[in-house]
Amino acid sequence: MTTSESRATAERELCGLVNGLAQQIADHVRDRAVALGLTPAQATALRELTGPMTMRELAERMSCEPSNATFVVDKLEKLGLIERHPHPTDRRARHLVLTEAGTALRERLLALLTQESPLAGLSPDQQRVLHDLLEQAVVRR
């Protein structure tokens, strides 16, 4: 086997592992979301809403287009979990803010997501190493 074939094989195997982990995480989020009466996208939005942020910021965290995030936020707003507030410095933007019910549901969601997580088998140090390696790979794009 040539060096290039060997590297291609190693990269293919690594891609398969990353894809497999991504699928396990997606399945895990879906299962936890359903347990709370949410869609996976709604659960992802709640997980990523760590404080007041714009729709664009939330969409970036969710890895989706702002129009898709808007659809999700509209549903969460109808459920009384999110409110839109005026942005403190940009008159054109709105801040998304969790309601009291949204904060409580987010806390339940976070607790469920940490239970039996696909990453639970890794120590905190191993998770940090994986985080750093993935961040390097993503940033280099």
N, C-alpha and C. Protein backbone atom coordinates (compact mmCIF):
# COMPACT_ATOMS: atom_id res chain seq x y z
N MET A 1 0.85 -1.18 0.00
CA MET A 1 0.00 0.00 0.00
C MET A 1 0.89 1.24 0.00
N THR A 2 0.58 2.21 -0.87
CA THR A 2 1.37 3.43 -0.94
C THR A 2 1.03 4.34 0.23
N THR A 3 1.86 5.34 0.42
CA THR A 3 1.63 6.31 1.50
C THR A 3 0.32 7.04 1.28
N SER A 4 0.03 7.42 0.05
CA SER A 4 -1.22 8.14 -0.22
C SER A 4 -2.43 7.23 0.00
N GLU A 5 -2.31 5.95 -0.37
CA GLU A 5 -3.41 5.01 -0.11
C GLU A 5 -3.62 4.83 1.39
N SER A 6 -2.53 4.74 2.12
CA SER A 6 -2.60 4.58 3.57
C SER A 6 -3.25 5.79 4.22
N ARG A 7 -2.87 6.98 3.78
CA ARG A 7 -3.48 8.20 4.33
C ARG A 7 -4.95 8.29 3.96
N ALA A 8 -5.29 7.91 2.74
CA ALA A 8 -6.69 7.94 2.30
C ALA A 8 -7.52 6.96 3.13
N THR A 9 -6.98 5.79 3.42
CA THR A 9 -7.68 4.80 4.24
C THR A 9 -7.89 5.33 5.65
N ALA A 10 -6.84 5.92 6.22
CA ALA A 10 -6.94 6.47 7.57
C ALA A 10 -7.97 7.59 7.62
N GLU A 11 -7.99 8.45 6.61
CA GLU A 11 -8.96 9.55 6.58
C GLU A 11 -10.38 9.01 6.40
N ARG A 12 -10.54 8.00 5.55
CA ARG A 12 -11.87 7.40 5.35
C ARG A 12 -12.38 6.82 6.66
N GLU A 13 -11.51 6.11 7.37
CA GLU A 13 -11.92 5.52 8.65
C GLU A 13 -12.26 6.60 9.68
N LEU A 14 -11.47 7.66 9.72
CA LEU A 14 -11.74 8.76 10.64
C LEU A 14 -13.07 9.43 10.30
N CYS A 15 -13.32 9.64 9.03
CA CYS A 15 -14.60 10.24 8.61
C CYS A 15 -15.76 9.35 9.01
N GLY A 16 -15.59 8.05 8.87
CA GLY A 16 -16.64 7.12 9.29
C GLY A 16 -16.90 7.21 10.78
N LEU A 17 -15.85 7.34 11.57
CA LEU A 17 -16.02 7.47 13.03
C LEU A 17 -16.71 8.78 13.40
N VAL A 18 -16.30 9.87 12.76
CA VAL A 18 -16.92 11.18 13.04
C VAL A 18 -18.39 11.14 12.64
N ASN A 19 -18.69 10.58 11.48
CA ASN A 19 -20.08 10.46 11.04
C ASN A 19 -20.89 9.58 11.99
N GLY A 20 -20.30 8.48 12.42
CA GLY A 20 -20.99 7.61 13.37
C GLY A 20 -21.28 8.30 14.68
N LEU A 21 -20.32 9.06 15.19
CA LEU A 21 -20.53 9.81 16.43
C LEU A 21 -21.60 10.87 16.23
N ALA A 22 -21.56 11.57 15.10
CA ALA A 22 -22.57 12.60 14.83
C ALA A 22 -23.97 11.98 14.79
N GLN A 23 -24.10 10.80 14.20
CA GLN A 23 -25.40 10.13 14.16
C GLN A 23 -25.85 9.71 15.55
N GLN A 24 -24.92 9.20 16.36
CA GLN A 24 -25.27 8.82 17.73
C GLN A 24 -25.74 10.04 18.53
N ILE A 25 -25.05 11.16 18.36
CA ILE A 25 -25.44 12.38 19.07
C ILE A 25 -26.81 12.85 18.58
N ALA A 26 -27.04 12.83 17.28
CA ALA A 26 -28.35 13.24 16.73
C ALA A 26 -29.47 12.35 17.26
N ASP A 27 -29.24 11.04 17.30
CA ASP A 27 -30.24 10.11 17.84
C ASP A 27 -30.50 10.39 19.31
N HIS A 28 -29.44 10.66 20.06
CA HIS A 28 -29.54 10.95 21.48
C HIS A 28 -30.38 12.22 21.72
N VAL A 29 -30.08 13.27 20.95
CA VAL A 29 -30.84 14.52 21.08
C VAL A 29 -32.30 14.29 20.71
N ARG A 30 -32.53 13.54 19.63
CA ARG A 30 -33.91 13.26 19.20
C ARG A 30 -34.69 12.54 20.29
N ASP A 31 -34.08 11.51 20.86
CA ASP A 31 -34.77 10.73 21.90
C ASP A 31 -35.09 11.60 23.11
N ARG A 32 -34.15 12.45 23.52
CA ARG A 32 -34.38 13.31 24.69
C ARG A 32 -35.42 14.38 24.37
N ALA A 33 -35.38 14.90 23.15
CA ALA A 33 -36.36 15.91 22.74
C ALA A 33 -37.77 15.35 22.78
N VAL A 34 -37.93 14.16 22.21
CA VAL A 34 -39.25 13.52 22.18
C VAL A 34 -39.78 13.30 23.59
N ALA A 35 -38.89 12.94 24.50
CA ALA A 35 -39.30 12.71 25.90
C ALA A 35 -39.86 13.98 26.53
N LEU A 36 -39.47 15.14 26.01
CA LEU A 36 -39.96 16.42 26.53
C LEU A 36 -41.03 17.05 25.65
N GLY A 37 -41.46 16.33 24.62
CA GLY A 37 -42.49 16.86 23.72
C GLY A 37 -41.96 17.90 22.75
N LEU A 38 -40.67 17.82 22.44
CA LEU A 38 -40.05 18.77 21.53
C LEU A 38 -39.57 18.07 20.27
N THR A 39 -39.34 18.84 19.22
CA THR A 39 -38.66 18.32 18.05
C THR A 39 -37.16 18.42 18.31
N PRO A 40 -36.35 17.67 17.56
CA PRO A 40 -34.90 17.81 17.73
C PRO A 40 -34.42 19.24 17.50
N ALA A 41 -34.99 19.93 16.53
CA ALA A 41 -34.57 21.31 16.26
C ALA A 41 -34.93 22.23 17.43
N GLN A 42 -36.10 22.02 18.03
CA GLN A 42 -36.49 22.82 19.18
C GLN A 42 -35.55 22.55 20.36
N ALA A 43 -35.20 21.29 20.55
CA ALA A 43 -34.27 20.94 21.64
C ALA A 43 -32.90 21.57 21.38
N THR A 44 -32.45 21.55 20.15
CA THR A 44 -31.17 22.15 19.81
C THR A 44 -31.20 23.65 20.08
N ALA A 45 -32.28 24.31 19.69
CA ALA A 45 -32.40 25.75 19.94
C ALA A 45 -32.36 26.04 21.44
N LEU A 46 -33.09 25.27 22.22
CA LEU A 46 -33.08 25.49 23.68
C LEU A 46 -31.68 25.24 24.25
N ARG A 47 -31.03 24.19 23.79
CA ARG A 47 -29.68 23.88 24.27
C ARG A 47 -28.72 25.02 23.96
N GLU A 48 -28.83 25.58 22.77
CA GLU A 48 -27.89 26.61 22.32
C GLU A 48 -28.21 28.00 22.83
N LEU A 49 -29.40 28.22 23.34
CA LEU A 49 -29.80 29.54 23.83
C LEU A 49 -29.26 29.73 25.24
N THR A 50 -27.98 30.08 25.33
CA THR A 50 -27.29 30.21 26.62
C THR A 50 -27.47 31.58 27.25
N GLY A 51 -28.10 32.47 26.54
CA GLY A 51 -28.37 33.82 27.01
C GLY A 51 -29.04 34.57 25.88
N PRO A 52 -29.38 35.83 26.10
CA PRO A 52 -30.01 36.60 25.02
C PRO A 52 -29.12 36.62 23.78
N MET A 53 -29.73 36.36 22.64
CA MET A 53 -28.98 36.40 21.37
C MET A 53 -29.94 36.68 20.23
N THR A 54 -29.36 37.09 19.12
CA THR A 54 -30.18 37.37 17.94
C THR A 54 -30.51 36.06 17.21
N MET A 55 -31.43 36.15 16.30
CA MET A 55 -31.81 34.99 15.49
C MET A 55 -30.60 34.50 14.69
N ARG A 56 -29.83 35.44 14.16
CA ARG A 56 -28.65 35.07 13.38
C ARG A 56 -27.65 34.31 14.24
N GLU A 57 -27.43 34.77 15.46
CA GLU A 57 -26.51 34.08 16.38
C GLU A 57 -27.01 32.67 16.70
N LEU A 58 -28.31 32.57 16.96
CA LEU A 58 -28.87 31.25 17.26
C LEU A 58 -28.75 30.32 16.05
N ALA A 59 -29.06 30.84 14.87
CA ALA A 59 -28.96 30.02 13.65
C ALA A 59 -27.53 29.52 13.45
N GLU A 60 -26.57 30.38 13.72
CA GLU A 60 -25.17 29.97 13.58
C GLU A 60 -24.85 28.84 14.56
N ARG A 61 -25.31 28.96 15.78
CA ARG A 61 -25.07 27.92 16.78
C ARG A 61 -25.79 26.62 16.42
N MET A 62 -26.94 26.74 15.77
CA MET A 62 -27.70 25.56 15.37
C MET A 62 -27.21 24.98 14.05
N SER A 63 -26.29 25.66 13.40
CA SER A 63 -25.76 25.25 12.09
C SER A 63 -26.87 25.17 11.05
N CYS A 64 -27.68 26.22 11.01
CA CYS A 64 -28.77 26.26 10.03
C CYS A 64 -28.94 27.70 9.53
N GLU A 65 -29.80 27.85 8.55
CA GLU A 65 -30.11 29.16 8.00
C GLU A 65 -31.02 29.92 8.98
N PRO A 66 -30.90 31.26 9.02
CA PRO A 66 -31.77 32.03 9.91
C PRO A 66 -33.26 31.78 9.67
N SER A 67 -33.67 31.53 8.44
CA SER A 67 -35.08 31.26 8.17
C SER A 67 -35.54 29.98 8.86
N ASN A 68 -34.67 28.97 8.91
CA ASN A 68 -35.02 27.73 9.62
C ASN A 68 -35.10 27.97 11.12
N ALA A 69 -34.16 28.76 11.64
CA ALA A 69 -34.18 29.08 13.07
C ALA A 69 -35.45 29.87 13.41
N THR A 70 -35.86 30.74 12.50
CA THR A 70 -37.08 31.54 12.74
C THR A 70 -38.29 30.63 12.89
N PHE A 71 -38.39 29.63 12.04
CA PHE A 71 -39.50 28.68 12.12
C PHE A 71 -39.51 27.99 13.49
N VAL A 72 -38.34 27.56 13.95
CA VAL A 72 -38.22 26.87 15.24
C VAL A 72 -38.57 27.82 16.38
N VAL A 73 -38.03 29.03 16.32
CA VAL A 73 -38.29 30.01 17.38
C VAL A 73 -39.77 30.38 17.42
N ASP A 74 -40.40 30.50 16.26
CA ASP A 74 -41.85 30.80 16.24
C ASP A 74 -42.63 29.74 17.04
N LYS A 75 -42.26 28.48 16.85
CA LYS A 75 -42.94 27.40 17.57
C LYS A 75 -42.66 27.48 19.07
N LEU A 76 -41.40 27.75 19.43
CA LEU A 76 -41.04 27.86 20.85
C LEU A 76 -41.72 29.06 21.50
N GLU A 77 -41.89 30.11 20.72
CA GLU A 77 -42.58 31.30 21.23
C GLU A 77 -44.06 30.97 21.48
N LYS A 78 -44.68 30.24 20.56
CA LYS A 78 -46.08 29.84 20.75
C LYS A 78 -46.26 28.95 21.96
N LEU A 79 -45.21 28.18 22.30
CA LEU A 79 -45.25 27.31 23.49
C LEU A 79 -44.95 28.09 24.77
N GLY A 80 -44.63 29.37 24.63
CA GLY A 80 -44.33 30.20 25.80
C GLY A 80 -42.95 29.97 26.37
N LEU A 81 -42.02 29.49 25.55
CA LEU A 81 -40.69 29.17 26.04
C LEU A 81 -39.65 30.25 25.70
N ILE A 82 -39.94 31.03 24.68
CA ILE A 82 -39.02 32.09 24.23
C ILE A 82 -39.83 33.36 23.98
N GLU A 83 -39.21 34.50 24.27
CA GLU A 83 -39.79 35.81 23.94
C GLU A 83 -38.79 36.58 23.10
N ARG A 84 -39.31 37.46 22.27
CA ARG A 84 -38.45 38.36 21.49
C ARG A 84 -38.47 39.72 22.19
N HIS A 85 -37.28 40.22 22.50
CA HIS A 85 -37.14 41.52 23.16
C HIS A 85 -36.36 42.47 22.26
N PRO A 86 -36.54 43.79 22.42
CA PRO A 86 -35.73 44.72 21.63
C PRO A 86 -34.24 44.52 21.93
N HIS A 87 -33.44 44.59 20.88
CA HIS A 87 -31.98 44.49 21.03
C HIS A 87 -31.49 45.78 21.68
N PRO A 88 -30.57 45.70 22.61
CA PRO A 88 -30.14 46.91 23.32
C PRO A 88 -29.38 47.92 22.47
N THR A 89 -28.76 47.49 21.37
CA THR A 89 -27.96 48.43 20.57
C THR A 89 -28.33 48.47 19.10
N ASP A 90 -29.12 47.53 18.61
CA ASP A 90 -29.47 47.46 17.19
C ASP A 90 -30.99 47.50 17.06
N ARG A 91 -31.50 48.63 16.57
CA ARG A 91 -32.96 48.79 16.48
C ARG A 91 -33.60 47.79 15.53
N ARG A 92 -32.83 47.26 14.58
CA ARG A 92 -33.40 46.33 13.60
C ARG A 92 -33.46 44.91 14.12
N ALA A 93 -32.70 44.60 15.15
CA ALA A 93 -32.60 43.21 15.64
C ALA A 93 -33.45 43.02 16.89
N ARG A 94 -33.73 41.76 17.15
CA ARG A 94 -34.46 41.38 18.36
C ARG A 94 -33.60 40.37 19.11
N HIS A 95 -33.69 40.43 20.41
CA HIS A 95 -33.00 39.44 21.24
C HIS A 95 -33.98 38.33 21.59
N LEU A 96 -33.53 37.11 21.49
CA LEU A 96 -34.31 35.96 21.91
C LEU A 96 -33.96 35.70 23.37
N VAL A 97 -34.99 35.57 24.19
CA VAL A 97 -34.79 35.39 25.63
C VAL A 97 -35.70 34.27 26.10
N LEU A 98 -35.15 33.37 26.90
CA LEU A 98 -35.96 32.30 27.47
C LEU A 98 -36.92 32.87 28.51
N THR A 99 -38.13 32.35 28.53
CA THR A 99 -39.07 32.68 29.59
C THR A 99 -38.73 31.83 30.81
N GLU A 100 -39.44 32.03 31.88
CA GLU A 100 -39.23 31.20 33.07
C GLU A 100 -39.49 29.73 32.74
N ALA A 101 -40.56 29.48 31.99
CA ALA A 101 -40.88 28.10 31.59
C ALA A 101 -39.80 27.56 30.66
N GLY A 102 -39.29 28.41 29.77
CA GLY A 102 -38.23 27.99 28.85
C GLY A 102 -36.94 27.66 29.59
N THR A 103 -36.62 28.44 30.59
CA THR A 103 -35.43 28.19 31.39
C THR A 103 -35.56 26.86 32.13
N ALA A 104 -36.73 26.61 32.70
CA ALA A 104 -36.95 25.36 33.43
C ALA A 104 -36.87 24.16 32.49
N LEU A 105 -37.48 24.27 31.30
CA LEU A 105 -37.43 23.17 30.34
C LEU A 105 -36.00 22.96 29.83
N ARG A 106 -35.27 24.04 29.60
CA ARG A 106 -33.88 23.93 29.16
C ARG A 106 -33.05 23.18 30.20
N GLU A 107 -33.26 23.48 31.47
CA GLU A 107 -32.52 22.78 32.53
C GLU A 107 -32.84 21.29 32.52
N ARG A 108 -34.11 20.94 32.34
CA ARG A 108 -34.49 19.51 32.24
C ARG A 108 -33.84 18.86 31.03
N LEU A 109 -33.85 19.58 29.91
CA LEU A 109 -33.24 19.07 28.68
C LEU A 109 -31.75 18.83 28.88
N LEU A 110 -31.04 19.79 29.45
CA LEU A 110 -29.61 19.63 29.66
C LEU A 110 -29.31 18.43 30.56
N ALA A 111 -30.12 18.24 31.57
CA ALA A 111 -29.94 17.08 32.46
C ALA A 111 -30.13 15.78 31.68
N LEU A 112 -31.16 15.73 30.83
CA LEU A 112 -31.40 14.53 30.02
C LEU A 112 -30.29 14.29 29.01
N LEU A 113 -29.78 15.37 28.42
CA LEU A 113 -28.75 15.21 27.40
C LEU A 113 -27.45 14.67 27.97
N THR A 114 -27.18 14.94 29.23
CA THR A 114 -25.94 14.43 29.82
C THR A 114 -26.07 12.98 30.25
N GLN A 115 -27.31 12.49 30.40
CA GLN A 115 -27.51 11.09 30.78
C GLN A 115 -27.25 10.19 29.58
N GLU A 116 -26.38 9.24 29.74
CA GLU A 116 -26.07 8.25 28.71
C GLU A 116 -25.67 8.89 27.38
N SER A 117 -25.02 10.02 27.45
CA SER A 117 -24.54 10.71 26.26
C SER A 117 -23.53 9.84 25.51
N PRO A 118 -23.50 9.93 24.19
CA PRO A 118 -22.48 9.20 23.44
C PRO A 118 -21.05 9.59 23.85
N LEU A 119 -20.89 10.74 24.47
CA LEU A 119 -19.58 11.19 24.90
C LEU A 119 -19.29 10.86 26.36
N ALA A 120 -20.25 10.25 27.05
CA ALA A 120 -20.11 9.97 28.48
C ALA A 120 -18.97 9.00 28.78
N GLY A 121 -18.60 8.18 27.82
CA GLY A 121 -17.51 7.23 28.04
C GLY A 121 -16.13 7.87 28.03
N LEU A 122 -16.07 9.15 27.68
CA LEU A 122 -14.80 9.86 27.67
C LEU A 122 -14.66 10.66 28.96
N SER A 123 -13.46 10.68 29.49
CA SER A 123 -13.20 11.50 30.67
C SER A 123 -13.28 12.98 30.28
N PRO A 124 -13.40 13.88 31.26
CA PRO A 124 -13.38 15.31 30.92
C PRO A 124 -12.11 15.71 30.15
N ASP A 125 -10.97 15.13 30.52
CA ASP A 125 -9.73 15.44 29.79
C ASP A 125 -9.81 14.95 28.34
N GLN A 126 -10.34 13.75 28.14
CA GLN A 126 -10.48 13.22 26.79
C GLN A 126 -11.47 14.06 25.98
N GLN A 127 -12.54 14.51 26.61
CA GLN A 127 -13.50 15.37 25.91
C GLN A 127 -12.84 16.68 25.48
N ARG A 128 -11.99 17.25 26.34
CA ARG A 128 -11.29 18.48 25.98
C ARG A 128 -10.35 18.25 24.80
N VAL A 129 -9.64 17.13 24.81
CA VAL A 129 -8.73 16.81 23.70
C VAL A 129 -9.53 16.65 22.41
N LEU A 130 -10.63 15.91 22.47
CA LEU A 130 -11.47 15.74 21.29
C LEU A 130 -12.00 17.08 20.81
N HIS A 131 -12.44 17.91 21.73
CA HIS A 131 -12.93 19.25 21.40
C HIS A 131 -11.86 20.04 20.66
N ASP A 132 -10.66 20.05 21.21
CA ASP A 132 -9.56 20.81 20.61
C ASP A 132 -9.22 20.30 19.22
N LEU A 133 -9.17 18.97 19.05
CA LEU A 133 -8.86 18.39 17.75
C LEU A 133 -9.94 18.71 16.72
N LEU A 134 -11.21 18.56 17.11
CA LEU A 134 -12.30 18.87 16.18
C LEU A 134 -12.33 20.35 15.83
N GLU A 135 -12.08 21.18 16.82
CA GLU A 135 -12.05 22.63 16.56
C GLU A 135 -10.96 22.98 15.56
N GLN A 136 -9.78 22.37 15.71
CA GLN A 136 -8.69 22.59 14.76
C GLN A 136 -9.10 22.14 13.35
N ALA A 137 -9.74 21.00 13.27
CA ALA A 137 -10.15 20.48 11.96
C ALA A 137 -11.20 21.39 11.32
N VAL A 138 -12.14 21.89 12.09
CA VAL A 138 -13.20 22.72 11.56
C VAL A 138 -12.67 24.10 11.17
N VAL A 139 -11.80 24.66 11.97
CA VAL A 139 -11.27 26.00 11.71
C VAL A 139 -10.41 26.02 10.45
N ARG A 140 -9.75 24.91 10.15
CA ARG A 140 -8.85 24.84 9.00
C ARG A 140 -9.59 24.79 7.67
N ARG A 141 -10.89 24.70 7.66
CA ARG A 141 -11.64 24.59 6.40
C ARG A 141 -11.40 25.76 5.51
